Amino acid sequence: MKRTTMVLGAALTAVLAFAPPALAGHGGKANSGKPDNKEQDVESNSLTTNGKAAVSHGRAQLNRSQINTSTGNSDIHVYDKSYSASWYGQTSCTDTNWWNGLCDHYDVKFNTRMMSGKSTYYWQSLGCHELGHTGSLGHRWHSTDSNDNSCMRSNIWPKYLDLHDIDAINDNV
């Protein structure tokens, strides 16, 4: 019995030692995963003027945290086109680092059909929101953003990451 308990304890310790850290509590699920490092190259793929404004603003917001963005083609791929879906934007992890289980490549998609007619302000809010997901952030709700100032809120369109968002990113990279 004692030997079984010791073996199980050692196995549990080994699993916990190699498991990726949990995402900081942020009020919502971050289904895009945690980035595998603090240096994130962003590739803009033939974006519209509004898409470029969204990426520029989103990068500026991420750069307020410990994440450093640059232009390149390896970490975050951004697209904007008319998708038939009813979402404004979408972020997903498309490649996980085999060694640590963290996200190595993200796809960020802006839906021009849903964003049609929206001002640059709304596009910048969308860029902040979707690129926030690449920093491991989930959605925020009123209970975790009572002053409604986080771009990680859905459908209220704030334009900036707030200090809670920045702290959550910094805790996860």
N, C-alpha and C. Protein backbone atom coordinates (compact mmCIF):
# COMPACT_ATOMS: atom_id res chain seq x y z
N MET A 1 0.82 -1.20 0.00
CA MET A 1 0.00 0.00 0.00
C MET A 1 0.87 1.26 0.00
N LYS A 2 1.88 1.29 0.88
CA LYS A 2 2.75 2.44 0.97
C LYS A 2 3.51 2.65 -0.33
N ARG A 3 4.00 1.55 -0.94
CA ARG A 3 4.74 1.65 -2.20
C ARG A 3 3.83 2.17 -3.32
N THR A 4 2.59 1.70 -3.38
CA THR A 4 1.63 2.16 -4.39
C THR A 4 1.38 3.65 -4.24
N THR A 5 1.22 4.12 -3.03
CA THR A 5 1.00 5.54 -2.77
C THR A 5 2.20 6.36 -3.21
N MET A 6 3.41 5.85 -2.94
CA MET A 6 4.62 6.57 -3.35
C MET A 6 4.74 6.62 -4.87
N VAL A 7 4.44 5.52 -5.55
CA VAL A 7 4.51 5.49 -7.02
C VAL A 7 3.49 6.44 -7.62
N LEU A 8 2.26 6.40 -7.11
CA LEU A 8 1.23 7.31 -7.61
C LEU A 8 1.60 8.77 -7.36
N GLY A 9 2.17 9.05 -6.19
CA GLY A 9 2.60 10.41 -5.87
C GLY A 9 3.70 10.88 -6.81
N ALA A 10 4.66 10.02 -7.10
CA ALA A 10 5.75 10.38 -8.03
C ALA A 10 5.21 10.60 -9.43
N ALA A 11 4.26 9.76 -9.86
CA ALA A 11 3.68 9.92 -11.20
C ALA A 11 2.92 11.24 -11.30
N LEU A 12 2.14 11.56 -10.28
CA LEU A 12 1.40 12.82 -10.28
C LEU A 12 2.35 14.01 -10.29
N THR A 13 3.41 13.95 -9.54
CA THR A 13 4.41 15.02 -9.52
C THR A 13 5.03 15.20 -10.90
N ALA A 14 5.34 14.10 -11.58
CA ALA A 14 5.93 14.17 -12.93
C ALA A 14 4.96 14.80 -13.91
N VAL A 15 3.69 14.43 -13.85
CA VAL A 15 2.68 14.99 -14.75
C VAL A 15 2.54 16.48 -14.52
N LEU A 16 2.45 16.89 -13.27
CA LEU A 16 2.29 18.31 -12.96
C LEU A 16 3.53 19.11 -13.34
N ALA A 17 4.69 18.53 -13.23
CA ALA A 17 5.92 19.24 -13.55
C ALA A 17 6.02 19.56 -15.03
N PHE A 18 5.46 18.70 -15.88
CA PHE A 18 5.57 18.91 -17.33
C PHE A 18 4.30 19.46 -17.96
N ALA A 19 3.24 19.63 -17.20
CA ALA A 19 2.00 20.18 -17.73
C ALA A 19 2.16 21.68 -17.91
N PRO A 20 1.58 22.26 -19.00
CA PRO A 20 1.67 23.71 -19.15
C PRO A 20 0.88 24.40 -18.05
N PRO A 21 1.31 25.58 -17.62
CA PRO A 21 0.60 26.29 -16.57
C PRO A 21 -0.81 26.65 -17.01
N ALA A 22 -1.72 26.69 -16.07
CA ALA A 22 -3.10 27.06 -16.37
C ALA A 22 -3.17 28.54 -16.73
N LEU A 23 -4.16 28.88 -17.53
CA LEU A 23 -4.35 30.28 -17.89
C LEU A 23 -4.85 31.05 -16.67
N ALA A 24 -4.41 32.27 -16.55
CA ALA A 24 -4.86 33.11 -15.43
C ALA A 24 -6.35 33.31 -15.53
N GLY A 25 -7.01 33.38 -14.38
CA GLY A 25 -8.44 33.61 -14.37
C GLY A 25 -8.76 34.91 -15.09
N HIS A 26 -9.59 34.79 -16.11
CA HIS A 26 -9.90 35.96 -16.92
C HIS A 26 -11.38 36.03 -17.23
N GLY A 27 -12.18 35.21 -16.56
CA GLY A 27 -13.61 35.29 -16.74
C GLY A 27 -14.14 34.47 -17.89
N GLY A 28 -13.33 34.04 -18.80
CA GLY A 28 -13.81 33.27 -19.94
C GLY A 28 -12.74 32.32 -20.42
N LYS A 29 -13.14 31.40 -21.25
CA LYS A 29 -12.21 30.40 -21.77
C LYS A 29 -11.37 30.98 -22.89
N ALA A 30 -10.07 30.78 -22.83
CA ALA A 30 -9.18 31.19 -23.92
C ALA A 30 -8.92 29.97 -24.78
N ASN A 31 -9.77 29.73 -25.77
CA ASN A 31 -9.66 28.52 -26.56
C ASN A 31 -8.54 28.60 -27.58
N SER A 32 -7.88 29.73 -27.68
CA SER A 32 -6.80 29.86 -28.65
C SER A 32 -5.46 29.41 -28.08
N GLY A 33 -5.39 29.17 -26.79
CA GLY A 33 -4.17 28.66 -26.18
C GLY A 33 -3.19 29.74 -25.78
N LYS A 34 -2.20 29.31 -25.05
CA LYS A 34 -1.16 30.18 -24.52
C LYS A 34 0.00 30.23 -25.51
N PRO A 35 0.58 31.42 -25.77
CA PRO A 35 1.70 31.49 -26.72
C PRO A 35 2.93 30.78 -26.19
N ASP A 36 3.74 30.25 -27.11
CA ASP A 36 4.92 29.49 -26.71
C ASP A 36 6.13 30.36 -26.36
N ASN A 37 6.04 31.67 -26.63
CA ASN A 37 7.13 32.56 -26.24
C ASN A 37 6.65 34.01 -26.25
N LYS A 38 7.52 34.91 -25.82
CA LYS A 38 7.18 36.34 -25.72
C LYS A 38 7.40 37.10 -27.02
N GLU A 39 8.07 36.50 -27.98
CA GLU A 39 8.35 37.15 -29.26
C GLU A 39 7.38 36.60 -30.30
N GLN A 40 6.50 37.44 -30.81
CA GLN A 40 5.46 37.00 -31.73
C GLN A 40 5.54 37.78 -33.05
N ASP A 41 5.86 37.06 -34.13
CA ASP A 41 5.86 37.66 -35.47
C ASP A 41 4.44 37.65 -36.01
N VAL A 42 4.02 38.75 -36.61
CA VAL A 42 2.67 38.89 -37.13
C VAL A 42 2.73 39.04 -38.65
N GLU A 43 2.06 38.18 -39.36
CA GLU A 43 1.99 38.25 -40.82
C GLU A 43 0.59 38.71 -41.22
N SER A 44 0.53 39.82 -41.92
CA SER A 44 -0.73 40.35 -42.45
C SER A 44 -0.86 39.90 -43.89
N ASN A 45 -1.91 39.15 -44.19
CA ASN A 45 -2.08 38.54 -45.49
C ASN A 45 -3.05 39.33 -46.36
N SER A 46 -2.53 40.24 -47.18
CA SER A 46 -3.33 41.03 -48.13
C SER A 46 -4.56 41.63 -47.45
N LEU A 47 -4.34 42.34 -46.39
CA LEU A 47 -5.45 42.90 -45.62
C LEU A 47 -6.01 44.17 -46.25
N THR A 48 -7.29 44.41 -45.97
CA THR A 48 -7.92 45.67 -46.35
C THR A 48 -7.34 46.78 -45.48
N THR A 49 -7.65 48.01 -45.81
CA THR A 49 -7.20 49.14 -44.99
C THR A 49 -7.69 48.99 -43.55
N ASN A 50 -8.94 48.59 -43.38
CA ASN A 50 -9.48 48.39 -42.03
C ASN A 50 -8.78 47.24 -41.31
N GLY A 51 -8.49 46.17 -42.02
CA GLY A 51 -7.78 45.04 -41.43
C GLY A 51 -6.40 45.44 -40.96
N LYS A 52 -5.72 46.28 -41.77
CA LYS A 52 -4.39 46.77 -41.38
C LYS A 52 -4.48 47.62 -40.11
N ALA A 53 -5.51 48.46 -40.02
CA ALA A 53 -5.70 49.29 -38.82
C ALA A 53 -5.95 48.41 -37.60
N ALA A 54 -6.71 47.33 -37.78
CA ALA A 54 -7.01 46.41 -36.68
C ALA A 54 -5.74 45.73 -36.19
N VAL A 55 -4.91 45.25 -37.12
CA VAL A 55 -3.66 44.58 -36.75
C VAL A 55 -2.71 45.55 -36.06
N SER A 56 -2.57 46.73 -36.60
CA SER A 56 -1.67 47.72 -36.02
C SER A 56 -2.07 48.04 -34.58
N HIS A 57 -3.35 48.25 -34.36
CA HIS A 57 -3.82 48.58 -33.02
C HIS A 57 -3.69 47.37 -32.09
N GLY A 58 -4.04 46.19 -32.57
CA GLY A 58 -3.91 44.98 -31.75
C GLY A 58 -2.47 44.72 -31.34
N ARG A 59 -1.55 44.91 -32.28
CA ARG A 59 -0.12 44.75 -31.96
C ARG A 59 0.31 45.76 -30.90
N ALA A 60 -0.13 47.00 -31.05
CA ALA A 60 0.23 48.04 -30.07
C ALA A 60 -0.27 47.66 -28.68
N GLN A 61 -1.45 47.08 -28.61
CA GLN A 61 -1.98 46.66 -27.31
C GLN A 61 -1.18 45.50 -26.72
N LEU A 62 -0.84 44.50 -27.54
CA LEU A 62 -0.01 43.38 -27.05
C LEU A 62 1.36 43.88 -26.59
N ASN A 63 1.90 44.86 -27.30
CA ASN A 63 3.22 45.39 -26.95
C ASN A 63 3.23 46.11 -25.61
N ARG A 64 2.07 46.41 -25.07
CA ARG A 64 1.99 47.00 -23.72
C ARG A 64 2.28 45.95 -22.65
N SER A 65 2.22 44.67 -23.04
CA SER A 65 2.50 43.58 -22.11
C SER A 65 3.94 43.10 -22.32
N GLN A 66 4.26 41.93 -21.78
CA GLN A 66 5.59 41.36 -21.97
C GLN A 66 5.75 40.72 -23.35
N ILE A 67 4.70 40.67 -24.14
CA ILE A 67 4.79 40.15 -25.50
C ILE A 67 5.33 41.25 -26.41
N ASN A 68 6.29 40.91 -27.24
CA ASN A 68 6.84 41.83 -28.23
C ASN A 68 6.44 41.32 -29.61
N THR A 69 5.75 42.17 -30.37
CA THR A 69 5.35 41.76 -31.72
C THR A 69 6.28 42.41 -32.74
N SER A 70 6.42 41.73 -33.85
CA SER A 70 7.18 42.25 -34.98
C SER A 70 6.51 41.73 -36.25
N THR A 71 6.91 42.26 -37.39
CA THR A 71 6.36 41.74 -38.63
C THR A 71 7.18 40.54 -39.05
N GLY A 72 6.52 39.57 -39.55
CA GLY A 72 7.16 38.33 -39.96
C GLY A 72 6.11 37.35 -40.42
N ASN A 73 6.45 36.10 -40.40
CA ASN A 73 5.48 35.14 -40.92
C ASN A 73 5.42 33.84 -40.15
N SER A 74 5.80 33.84 -38.89
CA SER A 74 5.84 32.54 -38.25
C SER A 74 4.85 32.31 -37.11
N ASP A 75 4.41 33.33 -36.40
CA ASP A 75 3.61 33.09 -35.20
C ASP A 75 2.12 33.38 -35.35
N ILE A 76 1.78 34.55 -35.86
CA ILE A 76 0.38 34.96 -35.97
C ILE A 76 0.09 35.32 -37.42
N HIS A 77 -0.84 34.61 -38.03
CA HIS A 77 -1.24 34.88 -39.42
C HIS A 77 -2.62 35.53 -39.39
N VAL A 78 -2.73 36.72 -39.98
CA VAL A 78 -3.99 37.47 -39.93
C VAL A 78 -4.60 37.56 -41.32
N TYR A 79 -5.90 37.28 -41.39
CA TYR A 79 -6.64 37.31 -42.65
C TYR A 79 -7.90 38.15 -42.46
N ASP A 80 -8.34 38.82 -43.51
CA ASP A 80 -9.68 39.40 -43.49
C ASP A 80 -10.34 39.12 -44.83
N LYS A 81 -11.53 38.58 -44.74
CA LYS A 81 -12.32 38.31 -45.93
C LYS A 81 -13.76 38.11 -45.49
N SER A 82 -14.63 37.96 -46.45
CA SER A 82 -16.03 37.76 -46.16
C SER A 82 -16.29 36.28 -45.89
N TYR A 83 -16.57 35.97 -44.64
CA TYR A 83 -16.91 34.61 -44.24
C TYR A 83 -18.43 34.54 -44.10
N SER A 84 -19.02 33.41 -44.39
CA SER A 84 -20.48 33.28 -44.31
C SER A 84 -20.96 33.14 -42.87
N ALA A 85 -20.06 32.99 -41.92
CA ALA A 85 -20.41 32.82 -40.51
C ALA A 85 -20.88 34.15 -39.91
N SER A 86 -21.47 34.06 -38.72
CA SER A 86 -22.01 35.26 -38.08
C SER A 86 -21.10 35.82 -36.98
N TRP A 87 -19.82 35.54 -37.04
CA TRP A 87 -18.88 36.10 -36.07
C TRP A 87 -18.12 37.28 -36.71
N TYR A 88 -17.66 38.19 -35.85
CA TYR A 88 -16.89 39.35 -36.31
C TYR A 88 -15.42 38.99 -36.51
N GLY A 89 -14.89 38.21 -35.61
CA GLY A 89 -13.51 37.78 -35.67
C GLY A 89 -13.35 36.44 -35.00
N GLN A 90 -12.23 35.80 -35.30
CA GLN A 90 -11.99 34.47 -34.75
C GLN A 90 -10.49 34.24 -34.63
N THR A 91 -10.07 33.64 -33.53
CA THR A 91 -8.66 33.31 -33.32
C THR A 91 -8.57 31.84 -32.93
N SER A 92 -7.63 31.15 -33.56
CA SER A 92 -7.44 29.74 -33.21
C SER A 92 -5.96 29.39 -33.27
N CYS A 93 -5.58 28.44 -32.45
CA CYS A 93 -4.23 27.90 -32.47
C CYS A 93 -4.20 26.82 -33.54
N THR A 94 -3.34 26.99 -34.54
CA THR A 94 -3.29 26.04 -35.64
C THR A 94 -2.09 25.10 -35.56
N ASP A 95 -1.18 25.35 -34.63
CA ASP A 95 -0.01 24.47 -34.48
C ASP A 95 0.50 24.60 -33.04
N THR A 96 0.59 23.47 -32.38
CA THR A 96 1.06 23.44 -31.00
C THR A 96 2.50 22.96 -30.95
N ASN A 97 3.29 23.59 -30.12
CA ASN A 97 4.68 23.18 -29.91
C ASN A 97 4.68 21.80 -29.27
N TRP A 98 5.29 20.83 -29.90
CA TRP A 98 5.27 19.44 -29.42
C TRP A 98 5.95 19.30 -28.06
N TRP A 99 6.91 20.15 -27.76
CA TRP A 99 7.67 19.99 -26.53
C TRP A 99 6.92 20.47 -25.29
N ASN A 100 6.31 21.64 -25.39
CA ASN A 100 5.68 22.21 -24.19
C ASN A 100 4.16 22.32 -24.28
N GLY A 101 3.57 21.96 -25.42
CA GLY A 101 2.12 21.99 -25.56
C GLY A 101 1.53 23.38 -25.72
N LEU A 102 2.39 24.41 -25.89
CA LEU A 102 1.90 25.78 -26.04
C LEU A 102 1.72 26.10 -27.52
N CYS A 103 0.98 27.17 -27.80
CA CYS A 103 0.66 27.50 -29.19
C CYS A 103 1.85 28.12 -29.91
N ASP A 104 2.19 27.55 -31.06
CA ASP A 104 3.30 28.02 -31.88
C ASP A 104 2.81 28.90 -33.02
N HIS A 105 1.61 28.63 -33.54
CA HIS A 105 1.05 29.42 -34.66
C HIS A 105 -0.44 29.67 -34.41
N TYR A 106 -0.83 30.92 -34.64
CA TYR A 106 -2.24 31.31 -34.54
C TYR A 106 -2.75 31.76 -35.90
N ASP A 107 -4.03 31.53 -36.15
CA ASP A 107 -4.72 32.17 -37.26
C ASP A 107 -5.74 33.13 -36.67
N VAL A 108 -5.69 34.38 -37.12
CA VAL A 108 -6.66 35.40 -36.72
C VAL A 108 -7.43 35.77 -37.97
N LYS A 109 -8.76 35.74 -37.87
CA LYS A 109 -9.61 36.05 -39.03
C LYS A 109 -10.58 37.16 -38.66
N PHE A 110 -10.62 38.18 -39.52
CA PHE A 110 -11.59 39.26 -39.41
C PHE A 110 -12.65 39.03 -40.49
N ASN A 111 -13.91 39.04 -40.11
CA ASN A 111 -14.99 38.79 -41.05
C ASN A 111 -15.49 40.11 -41.64
N THR A 112 -15.06 40.42 -42.86
CA THR A 112 -15.42 41.69 -43.50
C THR A 112 -16.92 41.79 -43.75
N ARG A 113 -17.60 40.68 -43.90
CA ARG A 113 -19.05 40.71 -44.10
C ARG A 113 -19.75 41.25 -42.86
N MET A 114 -19.36 40.78 -41.69
CA MET A 114 -19.98 41.24 -40.45
C MET A 114 -19.49 42.65 -40.07
N MET A 115 -18.28 43.00 -40.47
CA MET A 115 -17.70 44.30 -40.12
C MET A 115 -18.02 45.39 -41.14
N SER A 116 -18.72 45.03 -42.19
CA SER A 116 -19.05 45.99 -43.24
C SER A 116 -19.75 47.22 -42.66
N GLY A 117 -19.25 48.38 -43.00
CA GLY A 117 -19.85 49.64 -42.54
C GLY A 117 -19.38 50.08 -41.17
N LYS A 118 -18.58 49.27 -40.50
CA LYS A 118 -18.09 49.65 -39.17
C LYS A 118 -16.90 50.62 -39.33
N SER A 119 -16.80 51.56 -38.42
CA SER A 119 -15.73 52.57 -38.46
C SER A 119 -14.39 51.96 -38.05
N THR A 120 -13.33 52.72 -38.26
CA THR A 120 -11.98 52.29 -37.86
C THR A 120 -11.94 51.98 -36.37
N TYR A 121 -12.66 52.74 -35.55
CA TYR A 121 -12.71 52.48 -34.11
C TYR A 121 -13.12 51.04 -33.85
N TYR A 122 -14.18 50.56 -34.49
CA TYR A 122 -14.67 49.19 -34.29
C TYR A 122 -13.64 48.17 -34.77
N TRP A 123 -12.99 48.45 -35.89
CA TRP A 123 -11.96 47.55 -36.39
C TRP A 123 -10.79 47.47 -35.40
N GLN A 124 -10.41 48.60 -34.82
CA GLN A 124 -9.33 48.59 -33.84
C GLN A 124 -9.73 47.81 -32.59
N SER A 125 -10.97 47.94 -32.17
CA SER A 125 -11.47 47.16 -31.05
C SER A 125 -11.40 45.67 -31.37
N LEU A 126 -11.80 45.31 -32.59
CA LEU A 126 -11.73 43.91 -33.01
C LEU A 126 -10.29 43.41 -33.04
N GLY A 127 -9.37 44.22 -33.54
CA GLY A 127 -7.96 43.84 -33.55
C GLY A 127 -7.42 43.63 -32.15
N CYS A 128 -7.77 44.51 -31.24
CA CYS A 128 -7.36 44.38 -29.84
C CYS A 128 -7.90 43.07 -29.27
N HIS A 129 -9.17 42.79 -29.53
CA HIS A 129 -9.83 41.60 -29.00
C HIS A 129 -9.19 40.31 -29.54
N GLU A 130 -9.09 40.21 -30.86
CA GLU A 130 -8.58 38.96 -31.45
C GLU A 130 -7.10 38.75 -31.16
N LEU A 131 -6.29 39.79 -31.21
CA LEU A 131 -4.88 39.63 -30.86
C LEU A 131 -4.71 39.42 -29.36
N GLY A 132 -5.66 39.89 -28.56
CA GLY A 132 -5.66 39.58 -27.13
C GLY A 132 -5.77 38.08 -26.89
N HIS A 133 -6.55 37.40 -27.73
CA HIS A 133 -6.65 35.94 -27.61
C HIS A 133 -5.29 35.29 -27.84
N THR A 134 -4.45 35.84 -28.72
CA THR A 134 -3.13 35.26 -28.96
C THR A 134 -2.20 35.46 -27.76
N GLY A 135 -2.58 36.34 -26.85
CA GLY A 135 -1.84 36.55 -25.61
C GLY A 135 -2.40 35.73 -24.47
N SER A 136 -3.25 34.76 -24.77
CA SER A 136 -3.85 33.81 -23.82
C SER A 136 -5.12 34.33 -23.14
N LEU A 137 -5.65 35.45 -23.58
CA LEU A 137 -6.82 36.01 -22.91
C LEU A 137 -8.12 35.38 -23.40
N GLY A 138 -9.01 35.13 -22.46
CA GLY A 138 -10.36 34.70 -22.78
C GLY A 138 -11.29 35.89 -22.79
N HIS A 139 -12.57 35.63 -22.95
CA HIS A 139 -13.55 36.72 -22.94
C HIS A 139 -13.77 37.22 -21.52
N ARG A 140 -14.11 38.47 -21.42
CA ARG A 140 -14.46 39.09 -20.14
C ARG A 140 -15.97 39.33 -20.12
N TRP A 141 -16.52 39.28 -18.94
CA TRP A 141 -17.95 39.54 -18.74
C TRP A 141 -18.07 40.70 -17.76
N HIS A 142 -19.26 41.19 -17.58
CA HIS A 142 -19.49 42.32 -16.68
C HIS A 142 -18.96 42.01 -15.27
N SER A 143 -19.10 40.77 -14.83
CA SER A 143 -18.65 40.41 -13.48
C SER A 143 -17.14 40.55 -13.29
N THR A 144 -16.37 40.48 -14.38
CA THR A 144 -14.91 40.63 -14.28
C THR A 144 -14.42 41.91 -14.96
N ASP A 145 -15.34 42.72 -15.46
CA ASP A 145 -15.00 43.99 -16.11
C ASP A 145 -16.14 44.97 -15.86
N SER A 146 -16.36 45.27 -14.58
CA SER A 146 -17.54 46.06 -14.20
C SER A 146 -17.52 47.48 -14.75
N ASN A 147 -16.36 48.00 -15.15
CA ASN A 147 -16.33 49.34 -15.73
C ASN A 147 -16.34 49.30 -17.26
N ASP A 148 -16.54 48.12 -17.83
CA ASP A 148 -16.72 47.94 -19.28
C ASP A 148 -15.62 48.58 -20.11
N ASN A 149 -14.35 48.42 -19.69
CA ASN A 149 -13.28 49.09 -20.43
C ASN A 149 -12.29 48.12 -21.10
N SER A 150 -12.58 46.82 -21.11
CA SER A 150 -11.68 45.85 -21.72
C SER A 150 -12.15 45.47 -23.12
N CYS A 151 -11.22 45.48 -24.07
CA CYS A 151 -11.57 45.05 -25.43
C CYS A 151 -11.86 43.55 -25.48
N MET A 152 -11.61 42.83 -24.40
CA MET A 152 -11.89 41.40 -24.36
C MET A 152 -13.36 41.12 -24.06
N ARG A 153 -14.13 42.18 -23.85
CA ARG A 153 -15.59 42.02 -23.73
C ARG A 153 -16.16 41.77 -25.12
N SER A 154 -17.20 41.00 -25.19
CA SER A 154 -17.86 40.74 -26.47
C SER A 154 -19.01 41.72 -26.68
N ASN A 155 -19.08 42.27 -27.86
CA ASN A 155 -20.19 43.09 -28.32
C ASN A 155 -20.38 44.43 -27.62
N ILE A 156 -19.37 44.94 -26.89
CA ILE A 156 -19.51 46.30 -26.38
C ILE A 156 -18.43 47.21 -26.93
N TRP A 157 -17.41 46.68 -27.61
CA TRP A 157 -16.44 47.40 -28.42
C TRP A 157 -15.50 48.37 -27.71
N PRO A 158 -15.02 48.11 -26.48
CA PRO A 158 -13.94 48.94 -25.97
C PRO A 158 -12.70 48.75 -26.84
N LYS A 159 -11.81 49.70 -26.83
CA LYS A 159 -10.70 49.72 -27.78
C LYS A 159 -9.36 49.28 -27.20
N TYR A 160 -9.27 49.09 -25.89
CA TYR A 160 -7.97 48.84 -25.26
C TYR A 160 -7.99 47.64 -24.33
N LEU A 161 -6.82 47.01 -24.15
CA LEU A 161 -6.63 46.06 -23.06
C LEU A 161 -6.54 46.87 -21.78
N ASP A 162 -7.24 46.44 -20.72
CA ASP A 162 -7.11 47.17 -19.46
C ASP A 162 -5.98 46.54 -18.64
N LEU A 163 -5.71 47.09 -17.47
CA LEU A 163 -4.59 46.61 -16.65
C LEU A 163 -4.78 45.16 -16.22
N HIS A 164 -6.01 44.74 -15.99
CA HIS A 164 -6.28 43.33 -15.67
C HIS A 164 -5.84 42.43 -16.82
N ASP A 165 -6.15 42.84 -18.06
CA ASP A 165 -5.75 42.07 -19.24
C ASP A 165 -4.22 41.98 -19.33
N ILE A 166 -3.56 43.10 -19.16
CA ILE A 166 -2.09 43.15 -19.25
C ILE A 166 -1.48 42.24 -18.19
N ASP A 167 -2.00 42.31 -16.96
CA ASP A 167 -1.50 41.45 -15.89
C ASP A 167 -1.72 39.98 -16.22
N ALA A 168 -2.88 39.64 -16.79
CA ALA A 168 -3.17 38.24 -17.13
C ALA A 168 -2.22 37.74 -18.23
N ILE A 169 -1.94 38.57 -19.22
CA ILE A 169 -0.97 38.18 -20.26
C ILE A 169 0.40 37.96 -19.61
N ASN A 170 0.83 38.91 -18.80
CA ASN A 170 2.15 38.82 -18.19
C ASN A 170 2.29 37.60 -17.27
N ASP A 171 1.19 37.19 -16.66
CA ASP A 171 1.21 35.99 -15.80
C ASP A 171 1.31 34.70 -16.63
N ASN A 172 1.02 34.79 -17.92
CA ASN A 172 0.94 33.58 -18.75
C ASN A 172 2.05 33.46 -19.79
N VAL A 173 2.94 34.43 -19.88
CA VAL A 173 4.03 34.30 -20.87
C VAL A 173 5.37 34.24 -20.17
